Amino acid sequence: MEPLSPGTSLPGIQHYVAQMETERGLDQQDLPSQCLKLGEEVGELYRAVRKLQGHPQDPGGRTADVGDEAVDTLILLMSIVNRCGINLEDAFRAKEARNETRVWV
C-alpha cells in the first residue's frame, strides 16, 4: 500500500483507512467492536492530554503521545463511518450548515 500523500483530503484519508483495513485484515471487525475500540482510544487520548498538562500519571502505565492517540482515534472514527456508508466530508458540511443556523452563547 502506498503511503498517504501530504495534503490528502478528508475523503482521501477515509478511502486510505478503508484500504488499510482491508490490507491488514481488519475490515471484518464489526461495528460495535470498532465503537468500543474508539472509546478505548479516546481514553488514551485523554491520558496523553493529562500527561501534557502535567497531571499525575501511573508510573507503570504506557506513555501516551497526543498526536499518536489522536491519529488512532481518527482511524477508528473513519473505520466506523466507513462501515456505516457515510461520506464524512458530506456529513461534516451538512452538520456545519445546520450549526450555522444555531445561536451560540
PDB file of N, CA and C in Angstrom:
ATOM      1  N   MET A   1       0.856  -1.176   0.000  1.00  0.00           N
ATOM      2  CA  MET A   1       0.000   0.000   0.000  1.00  0.00           C
ATOM      3  C   MET A   1       0.897   1.233   0.000  1.00  0.00           C
ATOM      4  N   GLU A   2       0.550   2.189  -0.803  1.00  0.00           N
ATOM      5  CA  GLU A   2       1.298   3.439  -0.889  1.00  0.00           C
ATOM      6  C   GLU A   2       1.057   4.274   0.368  1.00  0.00           C
ATOM      7  N   PRO A   3       2.082   4.979   0.841  1.00  0.00           N
ATOM      8  CA  PRO A   3       1.870   5.877   1.993  1.00  0.00           C
ATOM      9  C   PRO A   3       0.899   6.999   1.639  1.00  0.00           C
ATOM     10  N   LEU A   4       0.293   7.539   2.644  1.00  0.00           N
ATOM     11  CA  LEU A   4      -0.637   8.648   2.467  1.00  0.00           C
ATOM     12  C   LEU A   4       0.146   9.885   2.039  1.00  0.00           C
ATOM     13  N   SER A   5      -0.289  10.519   0.976  1.00  0.00           N
ATOM     14  CA  SER A   5       0.397  11.701   0.459  1.00  0.00           C
ATOM     15  C   SER A   5       0.117  12.916   1.332  1.00  0.00           C
ATOM     16  N   PRO A   6       1.118  13.808   1.468  1.00  0.00           N
ATOM     17  CA  PRO A   6       0.885  15.060   2.197  1.00  0.00           C
ATOM     18  C   PRO A   6      -0.260  15.843   1.553  1.00  0.00           C
ATOM     19  N   GLY A   7      -1.082  16.461   2.372  1.00  0.00           N
ATOM     20  CA  GLY A   7      -2.184  17.272   1.862  1.00  0.00           C
ATOM     21  C   GLY A   7      -3.381  16.476   1.384  1.00  0.00           C
ATOM     22  N   THR A   8      -3.441  15.194   1.723  1.00  0.00           N
ATOM     23  CA  THR A   8      -4.572  14.370   1.301  1.00  0.00           C
ATOM     24  C   THR A   8      -5.863  14.906   1.900  1.00  0.00           C
ATOM     25  N   SER A   9      -6.920  14.924   1.106  1.00  0.00           N
ATOM     26  CA  SER A   9      -8.225  15.432   1.545  1.00  0.00           C
ATOM     27  C   SER A   9      -8.872  14.482   2.550  1.00  0.00           C
ATOM     28  N   LEU A  10      -9.906  14.961   3.203  1.00  0.00           N
ATOM     29  CA  LEU A  10     -10.652  14.122   4.139  1.00  0.00           C
ATOM     30  C   LEU A  10     -11.202  12.875   3.440  1.00  0.00           C
ATOM     31  N   PRO A  11     -11.842  13.006   2.256  1.00  0.00           N
ATOM     32  CA  PRO A  11     -12.280  11.785   1.571  1.00  0.00           C
ATOM     33  C   PRO A  11     -11.109  10.859   1.226  1.00  0.00           C
ATOM     34  N   GLY A  12      -9.963  11.440   0.914  1.00  0.00           N
ATOM     35  CA  GLY A  12      -8.786  10.621   0.633  1.00  0.00           C
ATOM     36  C   GLY A  12      -8.333   9.846   1.852  1.00  0.00           C
ATOM     37  N   ILE A  13      -8.364  10.480   3.009  1.00  0.00           N
ATOM     38  CA  ILE A  13      -7.993   9.801   4.253  1.00  0.00           C
ATOM     39  C   ILE A  13      -9.010   8.702   4.554  1.00  0.00           C
ATOM     40  N   GLN A  14     -10.274   8.991   4.351  1.00  0.00           N
ATOM     41  CA  GLN A  14     -11.314   7.996   4.598  1.00  0.00           C
ATOM     42  C   GLN A  14     -11.105   6.779   3.690  1.00  0.00           C
ATOM     43  N   HIS A  15     -10.796   7.009   2.438  1.00  0.00           N
ATOM     44  CA  HIS A  15     -10.533   5.919   1.493  1.00  0.00           C
ATOM     45  C   HIS A  15      -9.273   5.150   1.903  1.00  0.00           C
ATOM     46  N   TYR A  16      -8.245   5.870   2.306  1.00  0.00           N
ATOM     47  CA  TYR A  16      -6.998   5.246   2.751  1.00  0.00           C
ATOM     48  C   TYR A  16      -7.264   4.292   3.910  1.00  0.00           C
ATOM     49  N   VAL A  17      -8.056   4.723   4.888  1.00  0.00           N
ATOM     50  CA  VAL A  17      -8.354   3.874   6.046  1.00  0.00           C
ATOM     51  C   VAL A  17      -9.082   2.605   5.591  1.00  0.00           C
ATOM     52  N   ALA A  18     -10.009   2.732   4.655  1.00  0.00           N
ATOM     53  CA  ALA A  18     -10.717   1.552   4.146  1.00  0.00           C
ATOM     54  C   ALA A  18      -9.731   0.579   3.493  1.00  0.00           C
ATOM     55  N   GLN A  19      -8.824   1.096   2.679  1.00  0.00           N
ATOM     56  CA  GLN A  19      -7.824   0.241   2.037  1.00  0.00           C
ATOM     57  C   GLN A  19      -6.882  -0.383   3.062  1.00  0.00           C
ATOM     58  N   MET A  20      -6.450   0.419   4.016  1.00  0.00           N
ATOM     59  CA  MET A  20      -5.533  -0.055   5.045  1.00  0.00           C
ATOM     60  C   MET A  20      -6.166  -1.188   5.851  1.00  0.00           C
ATOM     61  N   GLU A  21      -7.437  -1.028   6.203  1.00  0.00           N
ATOM     62  CA  GLU A  21      -8.110  -2.077   6.970  1.00  0.00           C
ATOM     63  C   GLU A  21      -8.215  -3.363   6.166  1.00  0.00           C
ATOM     64  N   THR A  22      -8.513  -3.247   4.885  1.00  0.00           N
ATOM     65  CA  THR A  22      -8.592  -4.431   4.036  1.00  0.00           C
ATOM     66  C   THR A  22      -7.232  -5.109   3.949  1.00  0.00           C
ATOM     67  N   GLU A  23      -6.200  -4.327   3.706  1.00  0.00           N
ATOM     68  CA  GLU A  23      -4.845  -4.873   3.583  1.00  0.00           C
ATOM     69  C   GLU A  23      -4.390  -5.566   4.861  1.00  0.00           C
ATOM     70  N   ARG A  24      -4.759  -5.035   6.002  1.00  0.00           N
ATOM     71  CA  ARG A  24      -4.331  -5.590   7.289  1.00  0.00           C
ATOM     72  C   ARG A  24      -5.296  -6.629   7.853  1.00  0.00           C
ATOM     73  N   GLY A  25      -6.374  -6.910   7.114  1.00  0.00           N
ATOM     74  CA  GLY A  25      -7.342  -7.904   7.560  1.00  0.00           C
ATOM     75  C   GLY A  25      -8.231  -7.432   8.689  1.00  0.00           C
ATOM     76  N   LEU A  26      -8.388  -6.113   8.817  1.00  0.00           N
ATOM     77  CA  LEU A  26      -9.199  -5.550   9.896  1.00  0.00           C
ATOM     78  C   LEU A  26     -10.615  -5.200   9.451  1.00  0.00           C
ATOM     79  N   ASP A  27     -10.904  -5.386   8.187  1.00  0.00           N
ATOM     80  CA  ASP A  27     -12.187  -4.952   7.630  1.00  0.00           C
ATOM     81  C   ASP A  27     -13.354  -5.849   8.009  1.00  0.00           C
ATOM     82  N   GLN A  28     -13.096  -6.972   8.649  1.00  0.00           N
ATOM     83  CA  GLN A  28     -14.173  -7.878   9.049  1.00  0.00           C
ATOM     84  C   GLN A  28     -14.640  -7.638  10.483  1.00  0.00           C
ATOM     85  N   GLN A  29     -13.990  -6.711  11.177  1.00  0.00           N
ATOM     86  CA  GLN A  29     -14.399  -6.429  12.545  1.00  0.00           C
ATOM     87  C   GLN A  29     -15.719  -5.665  12.517  1.00  0.00           C
ATOM     88  N   ASP A  30     -16.629  -6.044  13.402  1.00  0.00           N
ATOM     89  CA  ASP A  30     -17.965  -5.469  13.351  1.00  0.00           C
ATOM     90  C   ASP A  30     -18.018  -4.060  13.953  1.00  0.00           C
ATOM     91  N   LEU A  31     -19.125  -3.395  13.673  1.00  0.00           N
ATOM     92  CA  LEU A  31     -19.314  -2.008  14.098  1.00  0.00           C
ATOM     93  C   LEU A  31     -19.241  -1.831  15.619  1.00  0.00           C
ATOM     94  N   PRO A  32     -19.937  -2.659  16.417  1.00  0.00           N
ATOM     95  CA  PRO A  32     -19.821  -2.479  17.869  1.00  0.00           C
ATOM     96  C   PRO A  32     -18.378  -2.623  18.373  1.00  0.00           C
ATOM     97  N   SER A  33     -17.622  -3.542  17.800  1.00  0.00           N
ATOM     98  CA  SER A  33     -16.225  -3.702  18.203  1.00  0.00           C
ATOM     99  C   SER A  33     -15.426  -2.450  17.895  1.00  0.00           C
ATOM    100  N   GLN A  34     -15.657  -1.863  16.736  1.00  0.00           N
ATOM    101  CA  GLN A  34     -14.940  -0.653  16.365  1.00  0.00           C
ATOM    102  C   GLN A  34     -15.330   0.504  17.289  1.00  0.00           C
ATOM    103  N   CYS A  35     -16.591   0.570  17.666  1.00  0.00           N
ATOM    104  CA  CYS A  35     -17.031   1.628  18.582  1.00  0.00           C
ATOM    105  C   CYS A  35     -16.381   1.467  19.952  1.00  0.00           C
ATOM    106  N   LEU A  36     -16.285   0.240  20.438  1.00  0.00           N
ATOM    107  CA  LEU A  36     -15.620   0.004  21.724  1.00  0.00           C
ATOM    108  C   LEU A  36     -14.152   0.390  21.651  1.00  0.00           C
ATOM    109  N   LYS A  37     -13.493   0.045  20.541  1.00  0.00           N
ATOM    110  CA  LYS A  37     -12.085   0.417  20.389  1.00  0.00           C
ATOM    111  C   LYS A  37     -11.929   1.930  20.314  1.00  0.00           C
ATOM    112  N   LEU A  38     -12.878   2.615  19.677  1.00  0.00           N
ATOM    113  CA  LEU A  38     -12.817   4.078  19.634  1.00  0.00           C
ATOM    114  C   LEU A  38     -12.871   4.646  21.046  1.00  0.00           C
ATOM    115  N   GLY A  39     -13.760   4.104  21.871  1.00  0.00           N
ATOM    116  CA  GLY A  39     -13.839   4.552  23.265  1.00  0.00           C
ATOM    117  C   GLY A  39     -12.524   4.354  24.000  1.00  0.00           C
ATOM    118  N   GLU A  40     -11.869   3.226  23.771  1.00  0.00           N
ATOM    119  CA  GLU A  40     -10.569   2.978  24.394  1.00  0.00           C
ATOM    120  C   GLU A  40      -9.541   4.004  23.931  1.00  0.00           C
ATOM    121  N   GLU A  41      -9.540   4.280  22.633  1.00  0.00           N
ATOM    122  CA  GLU A  41      -8.568   5.237  22.093  1.00  0.00           C
ATOM    123  C   GLU A  41      -8.823   6.652  22.601  1.00  0.00           C
ATOM    124  N   VAL A  42     -10.085   7.020  22.770  1.00  0.00           N
ATOM    125  CA  VAL A  42     -10.396   8.341  23.324  1.00  0.00           C
ATOM    126  C   VAL A  42      -9.866   8.420  24.752  1.00  0.00           C
ATOM    127  N   GLY A  43     -10.005   7.341  25.510  1.00  0.00           N
ATOM    128  CA  GLY A  43      -9.440   7.307  26.856  1.00  0.00           C
ATOM    129  C   GLY A  43      -7.930   7.486  26.832  1.00  0.00           C
ATOM    130  N   GLU A  44      -7.259   6.853  25.870  1.00  0.00           N
ATOM    131  CA  GLU A  44      -5.810   7.011  25.754  1.00  0.00           C
ATOM    132  C   GLU A  44      -5.453   8.441  25.352  1.00  0.00           C
ATOM    133  N   LEU A  45      -6.284   9.058  24.540  1.00  0.00           N
ATOM    134  CA  LEU A  45      -6.067  10.457  24.170  1.00  0.00           C
ATOM    135  C   LEU A  45      -6.198  11.353  25.405  1.00  0.00           C
ATOM    136  N   TYR A  46      -7.214  11.105  26.226  1.00  0.00           N
ATOM    137  CA  TYR A  46      -7.366  11.864  27.473  1.00  0.00           C
ATOM    138  C   TYR A  46      -6.125  11.721  28.343  1.00  0.00           C
ATOM    139  N   ARG A  47      -5.621  10.490  28.466  1.00  0.00           N
ATOM    140  CA  ARG A  47      -4.446  10.249  29.291  1.00  0.00           C
ATOM    141  C   ARG A  47      -3.243  11.025  28.755  1.00  0.00           C
ATOM    142  N   ALA A  48      -3.092  11.060  27.441  1.00  0.00           N
ATOM    143  CA  ALA A  48      -1.984  11.804  26.834  1.00  0.00           C
ATOM    144  C   ALA A  48      -2.111  13.301  27.103  1.00  0.00           C
ATOM    145  N   VAL A  49      -3.332  13.813  27.052  1.00  0.00           N
ATOM    146  CA  VAL A  49      -3.552  15.239  27.342  1.00  0.00           C
ATOM    147  C   VAL A  49      -3.246  15.518  28.806  1.00  0.00           C
ATOM    148  N   ARG A  50      -3.666  14.634  29.690  1.00  0.00           N
ATOM    149  CA  ARG A  50      -3.353  14.807  31.117  1.00  0.00           C
ATOM    150  C   ARG A  50      -1.843  14.857  31.323  1.00  0.00           C
ATOM    151  N   LYS A  51      -1.119  13.971  30.655  1.00  0.00           N
ATOM    152  CA  LYS A  51       0.335  13.959  30.761  1.00  0.00           C
ATOM    153  C   LYS A  51       0.908  15.281  30.264  1.00  0.00           C
ATOM    154  N   LEU A  52       0.403  15.749  29.129  1.00  0.00           N
ATOM    155  CA  LEU A  52       0.876  17.004  28.540  1.00  0.00           C
ATOM    156  C   LEU A  52       0.647  18.173  29.493  1.00  0.00           C
ATOM    157  N   GLN A  53      -0.443  18.123  30.225  1.00  0.00           N
ATOM    158  CA  GLN A  53      -0.794  19.187  31.160  1.00  0.00           C
ATOM    159  C   GLN A  53      -0.104  19.040  32.511  1.00  0.00           C
ATOM    160  N   GLY A  54       0.703  17.996  32.665  1.00  0.00           N
ATOM    161  CA  GLY A  54       1.460  17.811  33.897  1.00  0.00           C
ATOM    162  C   GLY A  54       0.691  17.159  35.027  1.00  0.00           C
ATOM    163  N   HIS A  55      -0.434  16.523  34.735  1.00  0.00           N
ATOM    164  CA  HIS A  55      -1.197  15.825  35.768  1.00  0.00           C
ATOM    165  C   HIS A  55      -0.494  14.523  36.142  1.00  0.00           C
ATOM    166  N   PRO A  56      -0.697  14.054  37.356  1.00  0.00           N
ATOM    167  CA  PRO A  56      -0.037  12.817  37.783  1.00  0.00           C
ATOM    168  C   PRO A  56      -0.378  11.652  36.853  1.00  0.00           C
ATOM    169  N   GLN A  57       0.616  10.806  36.641  1.00  0.00           N
ATOM    170  CA  GLN A  57       0.455   9.647  35.773  1.00  0.00           C
ATOM    171  C   GLN A  57       0.787   8.375  36.535  1.00  0.00           C
ATOM    172  N   ASP A  58       0.224   7.287  36.086  1.00  0.00           N
ATOM    173  CA  ASP A  58       0.572   5.976  36.629  1.00  0.00           C
ATOM    174  C   ASP A  58       1.997   5.652  36.164  1.00  0.00           C
ATOM    175  N   PRO A  59       2.941   5.519  37.084  1.00  0.00           N
ATOM    176  CA  PRO A  59       4.325   5.269  36.675  1.00  0.00           C
ATOM    177  C   PRO A  59       4.475   3.966  35.887  1.00  0.00           C
ATOM    178  N   GLY A  60       3.574   3.031  36.097  1.00  0.00           N
ATOM    179  CA  GLY A  60       3.634   1.763  35.368  1.00  0.00           C
ATOM    180  C   GLY A  60       2.830   1.780  34.083  1.00  0.00           C
ATOM    181  N   GLY A  61       2.148   2.899  33.802  1.00  0.00           N
ATOM    182  CA  GLY A  61       1.303   2.983  32.615  1.00  0.00           C
ATOM    183  C   GLY A  61       2.098   3.251  31.352  1.00  0.00           C
ATOM    184  N   ARG A  62       1.447   2.984  30.245  1.00  0.00           N
ATOM    185  CA  ARG A  62       2.060   3.206  28.944  1.00  0.00           C
ATOM    186  C   ARG A  62       2.182   4.697  28.690  1.00  0.00           C
ATOM    187  N   THR A  63       3.303   5.119  28.143  1.00  0.00           N
ATOM    188  CA  THR A  63       3.499   6.522  27.788  1.00  0.00           C
ATOM    189  C   THR A  63       2.644   6.826  26.572  1.00  0.00           C
ATOM    190  N   ALA A  64       1.826   7.846  26.668  1.00  0.00           N
ATOM    191  CA  ALA A  64       0.908   8.193  25.588  1.00  0.00           C
ATOM    192  C   ALA A  64       1.302   9.527  24.978  1.00  0.00           C
ATOM    193  N   ASP A  65       1.204   9.615  23.660  1.00  0.00           N
ATOM    194  CA  ASP A  65       1.515  10.822  22.915  1.00  0.00           C
ATOM    195  C   ASP A  65       0.221  11.357  22.305  1.00  0.00           C
ATOM    196  N   VAL A  66      -0.054  12.648  22.477  1.00  0.00           N
ATOM    197  CA  VAL A  66      -1.311  13.230  21.991  1.00  0.00           C
ATOM    198  C   VAL A  66      -1.476  12.985  20.492  1.00  0.00           C
ATOM    199  N   GLY A  67      -0.427  13.227  19.720  1.00  0.00           N
ATOM    200  CA  GLY A  67      -0.519  13.028  18.273  1.00  0.00           C
ATOM    201  C   GLY A  67      -0.838  11.596  17.903  1.00  0.00           C
ATOM    202  N   ASP A  68      -0.128  10.641  18.513  1.00  0.00           N
ATOM    203  CA  ASP A  68      -0.377   9.228  18.217  1.00  0.00           C
ATOM    204  C   ASP A  68      -1.800   8.829  18.566  1.00  0.00           C
ATOM    205  N   GLU A  69      -2.251   9.254  19.738  1.00  0.00           N
ATOM    206  CA  GLU A  69      -3.596   8.862  20.181  1.00  0.00           C
ATOM    207  C   GLU A  69      -4.681   9.552  19.350  1.00  0.00           C
ATOM    208  N   ALA A  70      -4.434  10.785  18.930  1.00  0.00           N
ATOM    209  CA  ALA A  70      -5.395  11.476  18.058  1.00  0.00           C
ATOM    210  C   ALA A  70      -5.522  10.748  16.726  1.00  0.00           C
ATOM    211  N   VAL A  71      -4.395  10.276  16.200  1.00  0.00           N
ATOM    212  CA  VAL A  71      -4.431   9.534  14.928  1.00  0.00           C
ATOM    213  C   VAL A  71      -5.170   8.215  15.104  1.00  0.00           C
ATOM    214  N   ASP A  72      -4.899   7.495  16.190  1.00  0.00           N
ATOM    215  CA  ASP A  72      -5.631   6.247  16.438  1.00  0.00           C
ATOM    216  C   ASP A  72      -7.132   6.510  16.512  1.00  0.00           C
ATOM    217  N   THR A  73      -7.503   7.605  17.158  1.00  0.00           N
ATOM    218  CA  THR A  73      -8.914   7.971  17.269  1.00  0.00           C
ATOM    219  C   THR A  73      -9.502   8.278  15.898  1.00  0.00           C
ATOM    220  N   LEU A  74      -8.773   9.035  15.076  1.00  0.00           N
ATOM    221  CA  LEU A  74      -9.247   9.365  13.734  1.00  0.00           C
ATOM    222  C   LEU A  74      -9.408   8.109  12.881  1.00  0.00           C
ATOM    223  N   ILE A  75      -8.442   7.202  12.955  1.00  0.00           N
ATOM    224  CA  ILE A  75      -8.535   5.969  12.170  1.00  0.00           C
ATOM    225  C   ILE A  75      -9.787   5.192  12.553  1.00  0.00           C
ATOM    226  N   LEU A  76     -10.052   5.075  13.842  1.00  0.00           N
ATOM    227  CA  LEU A  76     -11.240   4.326  14.256  1.00  0.00           C
ATOM    228  C   LEU A  76     -12.525   5.058  13.886  1.00  0.00           C
ATOM    229  N   LEU A  77     -12.536   6.384  13.969  1.00  0.00           N
ATOM    230  CA  LEU A  77     -13.706   7.137  13.526  1.00  0.00           C
ATOM    231  C   LEU A  77     -13.969   6.876  12.046  1.00  0.00           C
ATOM    232  N   MET A  78     -12.910   6.923  11.240  1.00  0.00           N
ATOM    233  CA  MET A  78     -13.049   6.646   9.810  1.00  0.00           C
ATOM    234  C   MET A  78     -13.544   5.222   9.580  1.00  0.00           C
ATOM    235  N   SER A  79     -13.038   4.293  10.359  1.00  0.00           N
ATOM    236  CA  SER A  79     -13.466   2.898  10.257  1.00  0.00           C
ATOM    237  C   SER A  79     -14.970   2.771  10.515  1.00  0.00           C
ATOM    238  N   ILE A  80     -15.438   3.471  11.524  1.00  0.00           N
ATOM    239  CA  ILE A  80     -16.859   3.416  11.875  1.00  0.00           C
ATOM    240  C   ILE A  80     -17.721   4.021  10.774  1.00  0.00           C
ATOM    241  N   VAL A  81     -17.372   5.212  10.307  1.00  0.00           N
ATOM    242  CA  VAL A  81     -18.204   5.830   9.267  1.00  0.00           C
ATOM    243  C   VAL A  81     -18.149   5.028   7.978  1.00  0.00           C
ATOM    244  N   ASN A  82     -17.009   4.410   7.689  1.00  0.00           N
ATOM    245  CA  ASN A  82     -16.933   3.548   6.503  1.00  0.00           C
ATOM    246  C   ASN A  82     -17.904   2.387   6.616  1.00  0.00           C
ATOM    247  N   ARG A  83     -17.990   1.764   7.777  1.00  0.00           N
ATOM    248  CA  ARG A  83     -18.908   0.642   7.965  1.00  0.00           C
ATOM    249  C   ARG A  83     -20.367   1.076   7.862  1.00  0.00           C
ATOM    250  N   CYS A  84     -20.620   2.351   8.130  1.00  0.00           N
ATOM    251  CA  CYS A  84     -21.986   2.884   8.056  1.00  0.00           C
ATOM    252  C   CYS A  84     -22.298   3.491   6.686  1.00  0.00           C
ATOM    253  N   GLY A  85     -21.329   3.483   5.783  1.00  0.00           N
ATOM    254  CA  GLY A  85     -21.544   4.032   4.448  1.00  0.00           C
ATOM    255  C   GLY A  85     -21.677   5.547   4.429  1.00  0.00           C
ATOM    256  N   ILE A  86     -21.024   6.215   5.351  1.00  0.00           N
ATOM    257  CA  ILE A  86     -21.123   7.671   5.471  1.00  0.00           C
ATOM    258  C   ILE A  86     -19.906   8.332   4.830  1.00  0.00           C
ATOM    259  N   ASN A  87     -20.146   9.322   3.992  1.00  0.00           N
ATOM    260  CA  ASN A  87     -19.074  10.170   3.478  1.00  0.00           C
ATOM    261  C   ASN A  87     -18.892  11.258   4.530  1.00  0.00           C
ATOM    262  N   LEU A  88     -17.787  11.205   5.243  1.00  0.00           N
ATOM    263  CA  LEU A  88     -17.595  12.101   6.384  1.00  0.00           C
ATOM    264  C   LEU A  88     -17.532  13.561   5.972  1.00  0.00           C
ATOM    265  N   GLU A  89     -16.951  13.857   4.824  1.00  0.00           N
ATOM    266  CA  GLU A  89     -16.911  15.254   4.376  1.00  0.00           C
ATOM    267  C   GLU A  89     -18.328  15.783   4.145  1.00  0.00           C
ATOM    268  N   ASP A  90     -19.161  15.003   3.467  1.00  0.00           N
ATOM    269  CA  ASP A  90     -20.543  15.432   3.237  1.00  0.00           C
ATOM    270  C   ASP A  90     -21.285  15.606   4.561  1.00  0.00           C
ATOM    271  N   ALA A  91     -21.090  14.663   5.478  1.00  0.00           N
ATOM    272  CA  ALA A  91     -21.753  14.751   6.783  1.00  0.00           C
ATOM    273  C   ALA A  91     -21.268  15.973   7.556  1.00  0.00           C
ATOM    274  N   PHE A  92     -19.968  16.250   7.476  1.00  0.00           N
ATOM    275  CA  PHE A  92     -19.403  17.412   8.150  1.00  0.00           C
ATOM    276  C   PHE A  92     -20.010  18.692   7.609  1.00  0.00           C
ATOM    277  N   ARG A  93     -20.072  18.808   6.298  1.00  0.00           N
ATOM    278  CA  ARG A  93     -20.618  20.025   5.673  1.00  0.00           C
ATOM    279  C   ARG A  93     -22.099  20.213   6.011  1.00  0.00           C
ATOM    280  N   ALA A  94     -22.856  19.126   5.990  1.00  0.00           N
ATOM    281  CA  ALA A  94     -24.287  19.213   6.313  1.00  0.00           C
ATOM    282  C   ALA A  94     -24.490  19.617   7.771  1.00  0.00           C
ATOM    283  N   LYS A  95     -23.723  19.034   8.658  1.00  0.00           N
ATOM    284  CA  LYS A  95     -23.848  19.363  10.079  1.00  0.00           C
ATOM    285  C   LYS A  95     -23.436  20.806  10.343  1.00  0.00           C
ATOM    286  N   GLU A  96     -22.360  21.261   9.714  1.00  0.00           N
ATOM    287  CA  GLU A  96     -21.927  22.647   9.896  1.00  0.00           C
ATOM    288  C   GLU A  96     -22.956  23.621   9.339  1.00  0.00           C
ATOM    289  N   ALA A  97     -23.619  23.267   8.249  1.00  0.00           N
ATOM    290  CA  ALA A  97     -24.674  24.130   7.706  1.00  0.00           C
ATOM    291  C   ALA A  97     -25.796  24.281   8.738  1.00  0.00           C
ATOM    292  N   ARG A  98     -26.155  23.179   9.417  1.00  0.00           N
ATOM    293  CA  ARG A  98     -27.164  23.265  10.482  1.00  0.00           C
ATOM    294  C   ARG A  98     -26.648  24.068  11.659  1.00  0.00           C
ATOM    295  N   ASN A  99     -25.373  23.866  12.008  1.00  0.00           N
ATOM    296  CA  ASN A  99     -24.793  24.600  13.134  1.00  0.00           C
ATOM    297  C   ASN A  99     -24.772  26.103  12.876  1.00  0.00           C
ATOM    298  N   GLU A 100     -24.618  26.515  11.648  1.00  0.00           N
ATOM    299  CA  GLU A 100     -24.576  27.928  11.299  1.00  0.00           C
ATOM    300  C   GLU A 100     -25.905  28.636  11.593  1.00  0.00           C
ATOM    301  N   THR A 101     -26.983  27.868  11.686  1.00  0.00           N
ATOM    302  CA  THR A 101     -28.297  28.467  11.966  1.00  0.00           C
ATOM    303  C   THR A 101     -28.567  28.557  13.464  1.00  0.00           C
ATOM    304  N   ARG A 102     -27.692  27.987  14.289  1.00  0.00           N
ATOM    305  CA  ARG A 102     -27.859  27.999  15.735  1.00  0.00           C
ATOM    306  C   ARG A 102     -27.296  29.273  16.334  1.00  0.00           C
ATOM    307  N   VAL A 103     -27.810  29.599  17.500  1.00  0.00           N
ATOM    308  CA  VAL A 103     -27.272  30.714  18.270  1.00  0.00           C
ATOM    309  C   VAL A 103     -26.301  30.139  19.286  1.00  0.00           C
ATOM    310  N   TRP A 104     -25.049  30.600  19.242  1.00  0.00           N
ATOM    311  CA  TRP A 104     -24.015  30.095  20.140  1.00  0.00           C
ATOM    312  C   TRP A 104     -23.753  31.133  21.231  1.00  0.00           C
ATOM    313  N   VAL A 105     -24.022  30.739  22.441  1.00  0.00           N
ATOM    314  CA  VAL A 105     -23.850  31.658  23.564  1.00  0.00           C
ATOM    315  C   VAL A 105     -22.666  31.249  24.388  1.00  0.00           C
TER     316      VAL A 105
END
